[in-house]
Amino acid sequence: MKKKLDRADKALLDILQQNVDLPLGEIAARVNLSPTPCWRRIQRLQEEGFIRRKVALLDAEKLRVGVTVFVSIKAGRHSRDWFEGFRDAVSAMPEVVEFYRMSGDVDYLLRVVVPDIKAYDAVYQRLIACAELQDVSSSFAMEQVKYTTALPLDYI
């Protein structure tokens, strides 16, 4: 049975979403706990799946993948076998950093990061070769107005 999250748990999650590299003593001070109980709470939050993993956020510009393309796809077929093949092929493309099955007029939405249009065309060619697709529409992001990996905590 998962324990209900209290104010300190939410504060810990908020702090860790902003900077997981803070020293434990500083995190504990910010939530008014001593280090050992703070560490135990963090461990519990991990064990209960609130913290799925800890990662480093990299700079896309420095890695030469500063062009973001949103790709809307209408499927050519709708079957489990088709989907599994498509899912596996798209999941294997490192340029595809997000992949969603959608409701509405579009069946799938991808977020692709590449250095330029030529590199995107190579991704596009691999994409259309991997499965029967009815329509592929690409939109290039002109400016990133907001980007965060921090999730809202007001709903728990």
N, C-alpha and C. Protein backbone atom coordinates (compact mmCIF):
# COMPACT_ATOMS: atom_id res chain seq x y z
N MET A 1 0.84 -1.18 0.00
CA MET A 1 0.00 0.00 0.00
C MET A 1 0.88 1.24 0.00
N LYS A 2 0.64 2.14 -0.95
CA LYS A 2 1.43 3.35 -1.03
C LYS A 2 0.95 4.36 0.00
N LYS A 3 1.92 4.98 0.66
CA LYS A 3 1.62 6.01 1.63
C LYS A 3 1.22 7.29 0.89
N LYS A 4 0.27 8.02 1.43
CA LYS A 4 -0.15 9.29 0.84
C LYS A 4 1.00 10.29 0.93
N LEU A 5 1.16 11.09 -0.10
CA LEU A 5 2.22 12.09 -0.11
C LEU A 5 1.82 13.29 0.75
N ASP A 6 2.73 13.71 1.58
CA ASP A 6 2.47 14.90 2.40
C ASP A 6 3.22 16.09 1.79
N ARG A 7 3.16 17.21 2.50
CA ARG A 7 3.78 18.44 2.02
C ARG A 7 5.29 18.29 1.82
N ALA A 8 5.95 17.57 2.71
CA ALA A 8 7.40 17.37 2.59
C ALA A 8 7.73 16.52 1.36
N ASP A 9 6.93 15.48 1.10
CA ASP A 9 7.15 14.66 -0.09
C ASP A 9 7.02 15.50 -1.35
N LYS A 10 5.97 16.32 -1.41
CA LYS A 10 5.77 17.17 -2.59
C LYS A 10 6.91 18.17 -2.74
N ALA A 11 7.37 18.71 -1.62
CA ALA A 11 8.49 19.65 -1.67
C ALA A 11 9.74 18.95 -2.17
N LEU A 12 9.96 17.72 -1.71
CA LEU A 12 11.12 16.96 -2.19
C LEU A 12 11.03 16.73 -3.69
N LEU A 13 9.87 16.31 -4.17
CA LEU A 13 9.71 16.08 -5.60
C LEU A 13 9.96 17.36 -6.39
N ASP A 14 9.46 18.48 -5.89
CA ASP A 14 9.66 19.75 -6.56
C ASP A 14 11.15 20.10 -6.63
N ILE A 15 11.84 19.97 -5.53
CA ILE A 15 13.27 20.27 -5.48
C ILE A 15 14.04 19.36 -6.43
N LEU A 16 13.76 18.05 -6.37
CA LEU A 16 14.49 17.10 -7.20
C LEU A 16 14.21 17.30 -8.68
N GLN A 17 13.01 17.76 -9.04
CA GLN A 17 12.73 18.05 -10.45
C GLN A 17 13.56 19.22 -10.96
N GLN A 18 13.88 20.13 -10.07
CA GLN A 18 14.66 21.30 -10.47
C GLN A 18 16.16 21.01 -10.53
N ASN A 19 16.65 20.23 -9.53
CA ASN A 19 18.09 19.95 -9.48
C ASN A 19 18.35 18.74 -8.59
N VAL A 20 18.50 17.60 -9.22
CA VAL A 20 18.72 16.35 -8.47
C VAL A 20 20.14 16.28 -7.89
N ASP A 21 21.02 17.18 -8.33
CA ASP A 21 22.41 17.16 -7.86
C ASP A 21 22.66 17.94 -6.57
N LEU A 22 21.63 18.56 -6.01
CA LEU A 22 21.83 19.29 -4.76
C LEU A 22 22.31 18.33 -3.68
N PRO A 23 23.19 18.78 -2.82
CA PRO A 23 23.63 17.92 -1.70
C PRO A 23 22.44 17.57 -0.80
N LEU A 24 22.46 16.37 -0.27
CA LEU A 24 21.36 15.90 0.58
C LEU A 24 21.11 16.86 1.74
N GLY A 25 22.16 17.38 2.34
CA GLY A 25 21.99 18.32 3.46
C GLY A 25 21.21 19.55 3.07
N GLU A 26 21.45 20.06 1.87
CA GLU A 26 20.72 21.25 1.40
C GLU A 26 19.26 20.90 1.12
N ILE A 27 19.02 19.75 0.49
CA ILE A 27 17.65 19.32 0.23
C ILE A 27 16.90 19.17 1.55
N ALA A 28 17.54 18.49 2.51
CA ALA A 28 16.91 18.27 3.81
C ALA A 28 16.58 19.59 4.49
N ALA A 29 17.48 20.56 4.43
CA ALA A 29 17.24 21.86 5.06
C ALA A 29 16.05 22.57 4.41
N ARG A 30 15.93 22.45 3.10
CA ARG A 30 14.85 23.12 2.39
C ARG A 30 13.48 22.56 2.76
N VAL A 31 13.43 21.29 3.18
CA VAL A 31 12.14 20.69 3.55
C VAL A 31 12.02 20.49 5.06
N ASN A 32 12.93 21.10 5.81
CA ASN A 32 12.91 21.07 7.27
C ASN A 32 12.98 19.65 7.84
N LEU A 33 13.89 18.84 7.28
CA LEU A 33 14.15 17.50 7.79
C LEU A 33 15.64 17.35 8.03
N SER A 34 15.99 16.38 8.85
CA SER A 34 17.40 16.05 8.95
C SER A 34 17.75 15.13 7.78
N PRO A 35 19.03 14.99 7.46
CA PRO A 35 19.42 14.24 6.26
C PRO A 35 18.93 12.78 6.20
N THR A 36 18.98 12.05 7.30
CA THR A 36 18.59 10.63 7.24
C THR A 36 17.11 10.46 6.91
N PRO A 37 16.19 11.12 7.61
CA PRO A 37 14.77 10.99 7.21
C PRO A 37 14.51 11.50 5.79
N CYS A 38 15.23 12.53 5.39
CA CYS A 38 15.08 13.05 4.04
C CYS A 38 15.50 11.98 3.04
N TRP A 39 16.64 11.34 3.25
CA TRP A 39 17.13 10.29 2.37
C TRP A 39 16.12 9.13 2.31
N ARG A 40 15.56 8.77 3.47
CA ARG A 40 14.57 7.68 3.50
C ARG A 40 13.33 8.04 2.66
N ARG A 41 12.90 9.27 2.77
CA ARG A 41 11.73 9.70 1.98
C ARG A 41 12.05 9.62 0.48
N ILE A 42 13.23 10.07 0.10
CA ILE A 42 13.61 10.01 -1.31
C ILE A 42 13.65 8.56 -1.78
N GLN A 43 14.20 7.68 -0.96
CA GLN A 43 14.24 6.25 -1.31
C GLN A 43 12.82 5.70 -1.46
N ARG A 44 11.93 6.07 -0.56
CA ARG A 44 10.54 5.61 -0.64
C ARG A 44 9.86 6.12 -1.91
N LEU A 45 10.10 7.39 -2.25
CA LEU A 45 9.52 7.96 -3.46
C LEU A 45 10.02 7.23 -4.70
N GLN A 46 11.26 6.77 -4.66
CA GLN A 46 11.78 5.97 -5.78
C GLN A 46 11.14 4.58 -5.79
N GLU A 47 11.08 3.94 -4.65
CA GLU A 47 10.51 2.59 -4.56
C GLU A 47 9.05 2.57 -4.99
N GLU A 48 8.32 3.64 -4.68
CA GLU A 48 6.90 3.71 -5.03
C GLU A 48 6.67 4.21 -6.46
N GLY A 49 7.75 4.53 -7.17
CA GLY A 49 7.63 4.91 -8.57
C GLY A 49 7.35 6.37 -8.85
N PHE A 50 7.31 7.22 -7.82
CA PHE A 50 7.12 8.65 -8.06
C PHE A 50 8.35 9.22 -8.77
N ILE A 51 9.51 8.71 -8.41
CA ILE A 51 10.76 9.06 -9.10
C ILE A 51 11.10 7.85 -9.96
N ARG A 52 10.94 7.99 -11.28
CA ARG A 52 11.18 6.86 -12.17
C ARG A 52 12.66 6.64 -12.41
N ARG A 53 13.41 7.73 -12.61
CA ARG A 53 14.85 7.64 -12.83
C ARG A 53 15.45 9.03 -12.74
N LYS A 54 16.75 9.09 -12.64
CA LYS A 54 17.48 10.36 -12.59
C LYS A 54 18.32 10.45 -13.85
N VAL A 55 18.20 11.58 -14.55
CA VAL A 55 18.89 11.75 -15.81
C VAL A 55 19.57 13.11 -15.87
N ALA A 56 20.47 13.27 -16.84
CA ALA A 56 21.07 14.56 -17.13
C ALA A 56 20.35 15.16 -18.32
N LEU A 57 20.01 16.42 -18.27
CA LEU A 57 19.40 17.11 -19.40
C LEU A 57 20.53 17.76 -20.20
N LEU A 58 20.63 17.38 -21.46
CA LEU A 58 21.73 17.83 -22.30
C LEU A 58 21.32 19.02 -23.16
N ASP A 59 22.29 19.78 -23.62
CA ASP A 59 22.05 20.96 -24.44
C ASP A 59 21.97 20.56 -25.91
N ALA A 60 20.79 20.67 -26.51
CA ALA A 60 20.58 20.25 -27.90
C ALA A 60 21.45 21.05 -28.88
N GLU A 61 21.61 22.33 -28.64
CA GLU A 61 22.43 23.16 -29.53
C GLU A 61 23.88 22.70 -29.53
N LYS A 62 24.43 22.45 -28.35
CA LYS A 62 25.83 22.00 -28.26
C LYS A 62 26.02 20.62 -28.87
N LEU A 63 24.95 19.81 -28.88
CA LEU A 63 25.02 18.47 -29.47
C LEU A 63 24.62 18.48 -30.94
N ARG A 64 24.40 19.69 -31.50
CA ARG A 64 24.04 19.88 -32.91
C ARG A 64 22.72 19.20 -33.28
N VAL A 65 21.77 19.18 -32.38
CA VAL A 65 20.42 18.71 -32.70
C VAL A 65 19.40 19.76 -32.25
N GLY A 66 19.65 21.00 -32.66
CA GLY A 66 18.83 22.11 -32.22
C GLY A 66 17.58 22.36 -33.04
N VAL A 67 17.37 21.59 -34.10
CA VAL A 67 16.17 21.74 -34.91
C VAL A 67 15.14 20.72 -34.42
N THR A 68 13.98 21.23 -34.02
CA THR A 68 12.89 20.37 -33.54
C THR A 68 11.81 20.31 -34.60
N VAL A 69 11.39 19.07 -34.91
CA VAL A 69 10.35 18.85 -35.91
C VAL A 69 9.23 18.04 -35.25
N PHE A 70 8.01 18.53 -35.38
CA PHE A 70 6.85 17.78 -34.93
C PHE A 70 6.26 17.09 -36.15
N VAL A 71 6.12 15.78 -36.08
CA VAL A 71 5.68 14.99 -37.22
C VAL A 71 4.33 14.36 -36.88
N SER A 72 3.32 14.73 -37.66
CA SER A 72 1.97 14.17 -37.51
C SER A 72 1.81 13.07 -38.54
N ILE A 73 1.33 11.92 -38.08
CA ILE A 73 1.22 10.75 -38.96
C ILE A 73 -0.20 10.19 -38.92
N LYS A 74 -0.72 9.92 -40.11
CA LYS A 74 -1.97 9.17 -40.24
C LYS A 74 -1.57 7.78 -40.72
N ALA A 75 -2.01 6.78 -40.01
CA ALA A 75 -1.62 5.41 -40.31
C ALA A 75 -2.26 4.91 -41.60
N GLY A 76 -1.53 4.05 -42.28
CA GLY A 76 -2.07 3.42 -43.48
C GLY A 76 -2.97 2.25 -43.13
N ARG A 77 -2.74 1.64 -41.99
CA ARG A 77 -3.54 0.50 -41.52
C ARG A 77 -3.71 0.63 -40.02
N HIS A 78 -4.66 -0.11 -39.49
CA HIS A 78 -4.88 -0.12 -38.05
C HIS A 78 -5.02 -1.57 -37.60
N SER A 79 -3.90 -2.18 -37.30
CA SER A 79 -3.91 -3.54 -36.77
C SER A 79 -2.80 -3.65 -35.74
N ARG A 80 -2.90 -4.62 -34.88
CA ARG A 80 -1.90 -4.83 -33.83
C ARG A 80 -0.52 -5.11 -34.45
N ASP A 81 -0.48 -5.98 -35.46
CA ASP A 81 0.80 -6.29 -36.11
C ASP A 81 1.44 -5.06 -36.74
N TRP A 82 0.60 -4.27 -37.45
CA TRP A 82 1.11 -3.04 -38.07
C TRP A 82 1.68 -2.12 -36.99
N PHE A 83 0.90 -1.90 -35.93
CA PHE A 83 1.34 -1.00 -34.88
C PHE A 83 2.65 -1.47 -34.24
N GLU A 84 2.75 -2.74 -33.93
CA GLU A 84 3.96 -3.24 -33.27
C GLU A 84 5.19 -3.05 -34.15
N GLY A 85 5.06 -3.30 -35.46
CA GLY A 85 6.19 -3.07 -36.37
C GLY A 85 6.55 -1.60 -36.46
N PHE A 86 5.53 -0.75 -36.55
CA PHE A 86 5.75 0.70 -36.62
C PHE A 86 6.38 1.19 -35.33
N ARG A 87 5.82 0.77 -34.19
CA ARG A 87 6.35 1.18 -32.88
C ARG A 87 7.82 0.79 -32.75
N ASP A 88 8.15 -0.43 -33.11
CA ASP A 88 9.53 -0.89 -32.97
C ASP A 88 10.48 -0.11 -33.87
N ALA A 89 10.06 0.16 -35.11
CA ALA A 89 10.91 0.90 -36.04
C ALA A 89 11.12 2.33 -35.58
N VAL A 90 10.05 2.99 -35.17
CA VAL A 90 10.16 4.39 -34.73
C VAL A 90 10.94 4.48 -33.43
N SER A 91 10.71 3.56 -32.52
CA SER A 91 11.42 3.57 -31.23
C SER A 91 12.92 3.38 -31.40
N ALA A 92 13.34 2.75 -32.49
CA ALA A 92 14.76 2.53 -32.74
C ALA A 92 15.45 3.75 -33.35
N MET A 93 14.70 4.78 -33.73
CA MET A 93 15.29 5.98 -34.34
C MET A 93 15.71 6.94 -33.22
N PRO A 94 17.00 7.16 -33.03
CA PRO A 94 17.44 8.03 -31.92
C PRO A 94 16.98 9.47 -32.06
N GLU A 95 16.71 9.92 -33.26
CA GLU A 95 16.25 11.30 -33.47
C GLU A 95 14.84 11.52 -32.96
N VAL A 96 14.07 10.45 -32.84
CA VAL A 96 12.70 10.56 -32.32
C VAL A 96 12.79 10.52 -30.79
N VAL A 97 12.54 11.66 -30.17
CA VAL A 97 12.69 11.76 -28.71
C VAL A 97 11.36 11.67 -27.97
N GLU A 98 10.25 11.81 -28.69
CA GLU A 98 8.92 11.60 -28.11
C GLU A 98 8.04 10.97 -29.18
N PHE A 99 7.13 10.09 -28.75
CA PHE A 99 6.31 9.32 -29.68
C PHE A 99 4.98 9.06 -28.98
N TYR A 100 3.88 9.60 -29.54
CA TYR A 100 2.57 9.49 -28.92
C TYR A 100 1.55 8.91 -29.90
N ARG A 101 0.65 8.08 -29.39
CA ARG A 101 -0.54 7.66 -30.13
C ARG A 101 -1.62 8.66 -29.74
N MET A 102 -2.31 9.21 -30.75
CA MET A 102 -3.19 10.34 -30.52
C MET A 102 -4.65 9.98 -30.77
N SER A 103 -5.55 10.83 -30.29
CA SER A 103 -6.95 10.78 -30.68
C SER A 103 -7.15 11.88 -31.72
N GLY A 104 -8.26 11.83 -32.44
CA GLY A 104 -8.55 12.89 -33.40
C GLY A 104 -8.08 12.55 -34.80
N ASP A 105 -7.78 13.59 -35.58
CA ASP A 105 -7.44 13.43 -36.99
C ASP A 105 -6.06 12.82 -37.24
N VAL A 106 -5.18 12.93 -36.27
CA VAL A 106 -3.82 12.41 -36.41
C VAL A 106 -3.70 11.16 -35.54
N ASP A 107 -3.06 10.13 -36.09
CA ASP A 107 -2.91 8.88 -35.33
C ASP A 107 -1.69 8.90 -34.41
N TYR A 108 -0.59 9.49 -34.88
CA TYR A 108 0.66 9.50 -34.10
C TYR A 108 1.31 10.86 -34.22
N LEU A 109 1.98 11.27 -33.15
CA LEU A 109 2.73 12.51 -33.14
C LEU A 109 4.13 12.20 -32.64
N LEU A 110 5.12 12.66 -33.39
CA LEU A 110 6.52 12.45 -33.01
C LEU A 110 7.18 13.81 -32.80
N ARG A 111 8.11 13.84 -31.86
CA ARG A 111 9.01 15.00 -31.75
C ARG A 111 10.38 14.49 -32.14
N VAL A 112 10.95 15.12 -33.15
CA VAL A 112 12.22 14.70 -33.73
C VAL A 112 13.22 15.83 -33.55
N VAL A 113 14.45 15.50 -33.17
CA VAL A 113 15.50 16.52 -33.08
C VAL A 113 16.63 16.14 -34.05
N VAL A 114 17.06 17.12 -34.83
CA VAL A 114 18.08 16.93 -35.86
C VAL A 114 18.90 18.21 -35.99
N PRO A 115 20.04 18.14 -36.70
CA PRO A 115 20.83 19.36 -36.89
C PRO A 115 20.29 20.29 -37.98
N ASP A 116 19.61 19.72 -38.99
CA ASP A 116 19.17 20.55 -40.12
C ASP A 116 18.12 19.80 -40.94
N ILE A 117 17.63 20.47 -41.99
CA ILE A 117 16.57 19.90 -42.82
C ILE A 117 17.07 18.65 -43.55
N LYS A 118 18.30 18.66 -44.00
CA LYS A 118 18.86 17.49 -44.69
C LYS A 118 18.83 16.27 -43.77
N ALA A 119 19.20 16.44 -42.52
CA ALA A 119 19.17 15.33 -41.56
C ALA A 119 17.73 14.89 -41.31
N TYR A 120 16.80 15.85 -41.26
CA TYR A 120 15.41 15.46 -41.09
C TYR A 120 14.93 14.65 -42.29
N ASP A 121 15.33 15.03 -43.50
CA ASP A 121 14.90 14.28 -44.67
C ASP A 121 15.37 12.82 -44.58
N ALA A 122 16.55 12.59 -44.04
CA ALA A 122 17.02 11.20 -43.86
C ALA A 122 16.12 10.46 -42.87
N VAL A 123 15.71 11.12 -41.80
CA VAL A 123 14.78 10.51 -40.84
C VAL A 123 13.45 10.25 -41.53
N TYR A 124 12.97 11.21 -42.29
CA TYR A 124 11.71 11.06 -43.02
C TYR A 124 11.75 9.85 -43.95
N GLN A 125 12.84 9.71 -44.67
CA GLN A 125 12.96 8.57 -45.60
C GLN A 125 12.92 7.24 -44.85
N ARG A 126 13.58 7.17 -43.71
CA ARG A 126 13.53 5.94 -42.88
C ARG A 126 12.12 5.72 -42.36
N LEU A 127 11.46 6.79 -42.00
CA LEU A 127 10.10 6.71 -41.45
C LEU A 127 9.12 6.15 -42.49
N ILE A 128 9.14 6.69 -43.69
CA ILE A 128 8.18 6.23 -44.69
C ILE A 128 8.52 4.84 -45.22
N ALA A 129 9.75 4.40 -45.02
CA ALA A 129 10.13 3.06 -45.46
C ALA A 129 9.75 1.99 -44.43
N CYS A 130 9.48 2.40 -43.20
CA CYS A 130 9.27 1.41 -42.13
C CYS A 130 7.86 0.88 -42.05
N ALA A 131 6.87 1.60 -42.63
CA ALA A 131 5.48 1.15 -42.51
C ALA A 131 4.63 1.85 -43.55
N GLU A 132 3.50 1.27 -43.84
CA GLU A 132 2.53 1.88 -44.74
C GLU A 132 1.86 3.05 -44.00
N LEU A 133 2.05 4.26 -44.52
CA LEU A 133 1.51 5.46 -43.90
C LEU A 133 0.59 6.16 -44.89
N GLN A 134 -0.51 6.69 -44.39
CA GLN A 134 -1.44 7.42 -45.25
C GLN A 134 -0.97 8.85 -45.47
N ASP A 135 -0.46 9.49 -44.40
CA ASP A 135 -0.04 10.88 -44.50
C ASP A 135 1.00 11.18 -43.45
N VAL A 136 2.00 11.97 -43.83
CA VAL A 136 3.03 12.43 -42.91
C VAL A 136 3.14 13.94 -43.08
N SER A 137 2.97 14.69 -42.01
CA SER A 137 3.05 16.14 -42.06
C SER A 137 4.10 16.60 -41.05
N SER A 138 5.02 17.43 -41.51
CA SER A 138 6.12 17.88 -40.65
C SER A 138 6.01 19.37 -40.39
N SER A 139 6.16 19.76 -39.13
CA SER A 139 6.17 21.18 -38.75
C SER A 139 7.46 21.46 -38.00
N PHE A 140 8.20 22.45 -38.46
CA PHE A 140 9.46 22.81 -37.84
C PHE A 140 9.23 23.89 -36.78
N ALA A 141 9.72 23.66 -35.58
CA ALA A 141 9.59 24.65 -34.51
C ALA A 141 10.47 25.84 -34.83
N MET A 142 9.89 27.02 -34.79
CA MET A 142 10.64 28.24 -35.06
C MET A 142 11.32 28.79 -33.80
N GLU A 143 10.66 28.59 -32.66
CA GLU A 143 11.19 29.10 -31.40
C GLU A 143 10.63 28.25 -30.27
N GLN A 144 11.48 27.92 -29.32
CA GLN A 144 11.03 27.20 -28.13
C GLN A 144 10.66 28.25 -27.08
N VAL A 145 9.37 28.38 -26.84
CA VAL A 145 8.88 29.41 -25.93
C VAL A 145 8.92 28.91 -24.49
N LYS A 146 8.53 27.66 -24.29
CA LYS A 146 8.60 27.06 -22.96
C LYS A 146 9.03 25.61 -23.11
N TYR A 147 9.92 25.18 -22.25
CA TYR A 147 10.33 23.79 -22.21
C TYR A 147 10.65 23.45 -20.76
N THR A 148 10.04 22.41 -20.26
CA THR A 148 10.34 21.96 -18.91
C THR A 148 10.14 20.47 -18.84
N THR A 149 10.86 19.85 -17.96
CA THR A 149 10.62 18.43 -17.67
C THR A 149 9.91 18.31 -16.33
N ALA A 150 9.73 19.44 -15.62
CA ALA A 150 9.09 19.43 -14.31
C ALA A 150 7.57 19.24 -14.47
N LEU A 151 7.04 18.28 -13.76
CA LEU A 151 5.60 18.00 -13.78
C LEU A 151 4.89 18.78 -12.69
N PRO A 152 3.63 19.19 -12.93
CA PRO A 152 2.87 19.87 -11.87
C PRO A 152 2.57 18.89 -10.73
N LEU A 153 2.65 19.38 -9.52
CA LEU A 153 2.46 18.55 -8.34
C LEU A 153 1.17 18.86 -7.61
N ASP A 154 0.34 19.70 -8.16
CA ASP A 154 -0.90 20.13 -7.49
C ASP A 154 -2.02 19.09 -7.56
N TYR A 155 -1.83 18.02 -8.28
CA TYR A 155 -2.91 17.05 -8.49
C TYR A 155 -2.77 15.79 -7.67
N ILE A 156 -1.73 15.72 -6.84
CA ILE A 156 -1.54 14.53 -5.99
C ILE A 156 -1.95 14.80 -4.58
